[in-house]
Amino acid sequence: MKKAIFLTCFSFLSVALYAQHEGHSHDAVVPGDTKAAVAGPAKVTPPPTLAVKEESYDFGKIPQGKPVHHEFEITNTGTTPMKLMNVQASCGCTTPEWEKDKDIPAGGTSIIKVGYNAAAEGAFNKAITITYNDNQTKQITIKGEVWKTPAASAPTNAAANDLKN
């Protein structure tokens, strides 16, 4: 019996507390209510938009140990200035560079230079996330294949001495 009373009280308290949170509105428009104000259409300003000339770049086959770079051109297609807050690579082998303290005006362009350290052999596909205007994001990618370079230089050719005579 005590359990049933406890569960009933607990359920009632849970419902009462849920009804008191600020996550929803209790204001309802009642037909014929003259106190309800009719609001006009809300003016919504569209957020600035980031456009990338190319969203992915393929380096193709590159030799191991030779770092490579590519520049991504971005454009602000919005009507207000845009600020790049962060450019984050998916791993430490990829390094993005950008102008950190510069606003990109409406219609303006900027460059994000992405470097890749080709130390490990094999195919790669790396994501770079661009965060702009505090909470908007865009993703670009780089990919390619790193081929293993020979461990030693090419052997000397003894016949090359015969050609010198």
Protein backbone atom coordinates (compact mmCIF):
# COMPACT_ATOMS: atom_id res chain seq x y z
CA MET A 1 0.00 0.00 0.00
CA LYS A 2 2.82 2.38 0.88
CA LYS A 3 4.46 1.70 -2.49
CA ALA A 4 1.27 2.52 -4.36
CA ILE A 5 0.85 5.82 -2.49
CA PHE A 6 4.53 6.66 -3.03
CA LEU A 7 4.34 5.93 -6.78
CA THR A 8 1.13 7.97 -7.10
CA CYS A 9 2.69 10.95 -5.31
CA PHE A 10 5.90 10.64 -7.32
CA SER A 11 3.95 10.53 -10.60
CA PHE A 12 1.88 13.57 -9.61
CA LEU A 13 5.00 15.54 -8.65
CA SER A 14 6.74 14.60 -11.90
CA VAL A 15 3.80 15.83 -13.98
CA ALA A 16 3.50 19.02 -11.92
CA LEU A 17 7.20 19.82 -12.28
CA TYR A 18 7.18 19.10 -16.02
CA ALA A 19 4.25 21.51 -16.49
CA GLN A 20 6.24 24.30 -14.80
CA HIS A 21 9.31 24.30 -17.08
CA GLU A 22 9.85 27.13 -19.56
CA GLY A 23 10.24 24.96 -22.65
CA HIS A 24 6.76 25.67 -23.99
CA SER A 25 4.25 28.47 -24.01
CA HIS A 26 0.95 28.46 -22.17
CA ASP A 27 -0.36 31.44 -24.08
CA ALA A 28 -3.26 30.44 -26.25
CA VAL A 29 -5.26 32.66 -28.55
CA VAL A 30 -8.92 32.40 -27.70
CA PRO A 31 -11.36 33.34 -30.49
CA GLY A 32 -12.99 36.67 -29.72
CA ASP A 33 -10.25 37.66 -27.24
CA THR A 34 -9.48 41.32 -27.80
CA LYS A 35 -6.30 41.19 -25.69
CA ALA A 36 -4.46 38.92 -28.12
CA ALA A 37 -2.24 41.01 -30.34
CA VAL A 38 -1.90 40.11 -33.96
CA ALA A 39 1.73 40.20 -34.93
CA GLY A 40 2.86 40.97 -38.44
CA PRO A 41 5.23 38.76 -40.36
CA ALA A 42 8.54 38.42 -38.57
CA LYS A 43 11.50 39.85 -40.43
CA VAL A 44 14.01 37.06 -40.80
CA THR A 45 17.46 37.88 -42.08
CA PRO A 46 18.99 35.01 -43.99
CA PRO A 47 22.25 33.75 -42.53
CA PRO A 48 25.43 34.35 -44.49
CA THR A 49 26.23 31.48 -46.79
CA LEU A 50 29.63 29.99 -47.43
CA ALA A 51 30.22 28.64 -50.92
CA VAL A 52 33.30 26.62 -51.82
CA LYS A 53 34.61 26.58 -55.39
CA GLU A 54 35.43 22.86 -54.98
CA GLU A 55 34.29 20.78 -52.02
CA SER A 56 36.81 17.98 -52.59
CA TYR A 57 40.31 17.82 -54.02
CA ASP A 58 42.13 14.69 -55.21
CA PHE A 59 45.94 14.86 -55.00
CA GLY A 60 46.18 11.64 -57.01
CA LYS A 61 49.32 9.57 -56.37
CA ILE A 62 51.98 11.33 -54.32
CA PRO A 63 55.36 10.04 -53.09
CA GLN A 64 55.79 9.15 -49.44
CA GLY A 65 57.57 11.82 -47.41
CA LYS A 66 56.60 14.72 -49.70
CA PRO A 67 54.07 17.08 -48.07
CA VAL A 68 51.45 18.50 -50.45
CA HIS A 69 49.19 21.58 -50.30
CA HIS A 70 45.99 22.78 -51.93
CA GLU A 71 44.14 26.08 -51.70
CA PHE A 72 40.36 26.07 -51.39
CA GLU A 73 38.64 29.30 -52.46
CA ILE A 74 35.58 30.22 -50.39
CA THR A 75 33.01 32.90 -51.14
CA ASN A 76 30.54 34.71 -48.90
CA THR A 77 27.29 34.52 -50.89
CA GLY A 78 25.28 36.12 -48.08
CA THR A 79 24.35 39.76 -47.60
CA THR A 80 26.28 40.36 -44.36
CA PRO A 81 29.95 39.94 -43.45
CA MET A 82 31.06 36.45 -42.46
CA LYS A 83 33.80 35.37 -40.04
CA LEU A 84 35.63 32.05 -40.11
CA MET A 85 35.71 30.94 -36.49
CA ASN A 86 37.68 27.70 -36.93
CA VAL A 87 38.95 25.33 -39.59
CA GLN A 88 39.53 21.88 -38.09
CA ALA A 89 41.06 18.83 -39.78
CA SER A 90 40.01 15.29 -38.91
CA CYS A 91 43.58 14.31 -37.96
CA GLY A 92 46.99 15.79 -37.19
CA CYS A 93 48.46 14.90 -40.58
CA THR A 94 46.27 17.57 -42.21
CA THR A 95 46.97 21.24 -41.47
CA PRO A 96 44.58 24.02 -42.55
CA GLU A 97 45.68 27.67 -42.67
CA TRP A 98 43.33 30.65 -42.96
CA GLU A 99 43.11 34.33 -42.07
CA LYS A 100 41.79 34.08 -38.53
CA ASP A 101 40.94 37.70 -37.76
CA LYS A 102 39.53 38.77 -41.10
CA ASP A 103 35.84 39.25 -41.88
CA ILE A 104 34.80 38.22 -45.38
CA PRO A 105 32.47 40.89 -46.79
CA ALA A 106 29.30 39.98 -48.70
CA GLY A 107 30.41 38.72 -52.11
CA GLY A 108 34.04 38.55 -50.94
CA THR A 109 36.39 35.59 -51.19
CA SER A 110 39.12 34.08 -49.04
CA ILE A 111 41.54 31.16 -49.25
CA ILE A 112 41.94 28.15 -46.97
CA LYS A 113 45.28 26.45 -47.56
CA VAL A 114 45.23 22.76 -46.61
CA GLY A 115 48.45 20.79 -46.22
CA TYR A 116 48.83 17.02 -45.97
CA ASN A 117 51.89 15.24 -44.57
CA ALA A 118 52.33 12.18 -46.78
CA ALA A 119 54.25 10.14 -44.19
CA ALA A 120 52.08 7.02 -44.20
CA GLU A 121 51.73 4.76 -47.23
CA GLY A 122 48.27 4.05 -48.66
CA ALA A 123 45.05 5.78 -49.63
CA PHE A 124 43.78 8.72 -47.61
CA ASN A 125 40.52 10.66 -47.39
CA LYS A 126 40.55 13.53 -44.87
CA ALA A 127 37.71 15.83 -43.83
CA ILE A 128 38.17 19.50 -42.94
CA THR A 129 35.32 21.24 -41.11
CA ILE A 130 34.89 25.00 -41.53
CA THR A 131 33.00 26.72 -38.69
CA TYR A 132 31.79 30.23 -39.49
CA ASN A 133 29.58 32.83 -37.80
CA ASP A 134 29.69 30.97 -34.47
CA ASN A 135 27.62 27.88 -35.31
CA GLN A 136 27.38 27.24 -39.04
CA THR A 137 29.58 24.56 -40.61
CA LYS A 138 30.71 23.38 -44.02
CA GLN A 139 32.90 20.37 -44.80
CA ILE A 140 35.56 19.98 -47.49
CA THR A 141 37.74 16.95 -48.18
CA ILE A 142 41.12 16.01 -49.57
CA LYS A 143 42.03 12.56 -50.84
CA GLY A 144 44.71 10.70 -52.70
CA GLU A 145 47.15 7.84 -52.47
CA VAL A 146 50.66 7.84 -51.04
CA TRP A 147 53.05 5.43 -52.74
CA LYS A 148 56.08 4.05 -50.94
CA THR A 149 59.41 5.50 -51.97
CA PRO A 150 62.44 3.18 -52.24
CA ALA A 151 64.38 2.67 -49.01
CA ALA A 152 67.73 3.43 -50.69
CA SER A 153 68.81 5.31 -53.75
CA ALA A 154 69.16 3.51 -57.08
CA PRO A 155 72.26 1.29 -57.40
CA THR A 156 75.20 2.65 -59.36
CA ASN A 157 75.53 1.47 -62.93
CA ALA A 158 79.02 0.17 -63.67
CA ALA A 159 78.35 0.43 -67.40
CA ALA A 160 78.08 4.20 -67.09
CA ASN A 161 81.89 4.38 -66.80
CA ASP A 162 82.21 2.69 -70.23
CA LEU A 163 80.18 5.49 -71.79
CA LYS A 164 82.59 8.14 -70.54
CA ASN A 165 85.52 6.81 -72.65
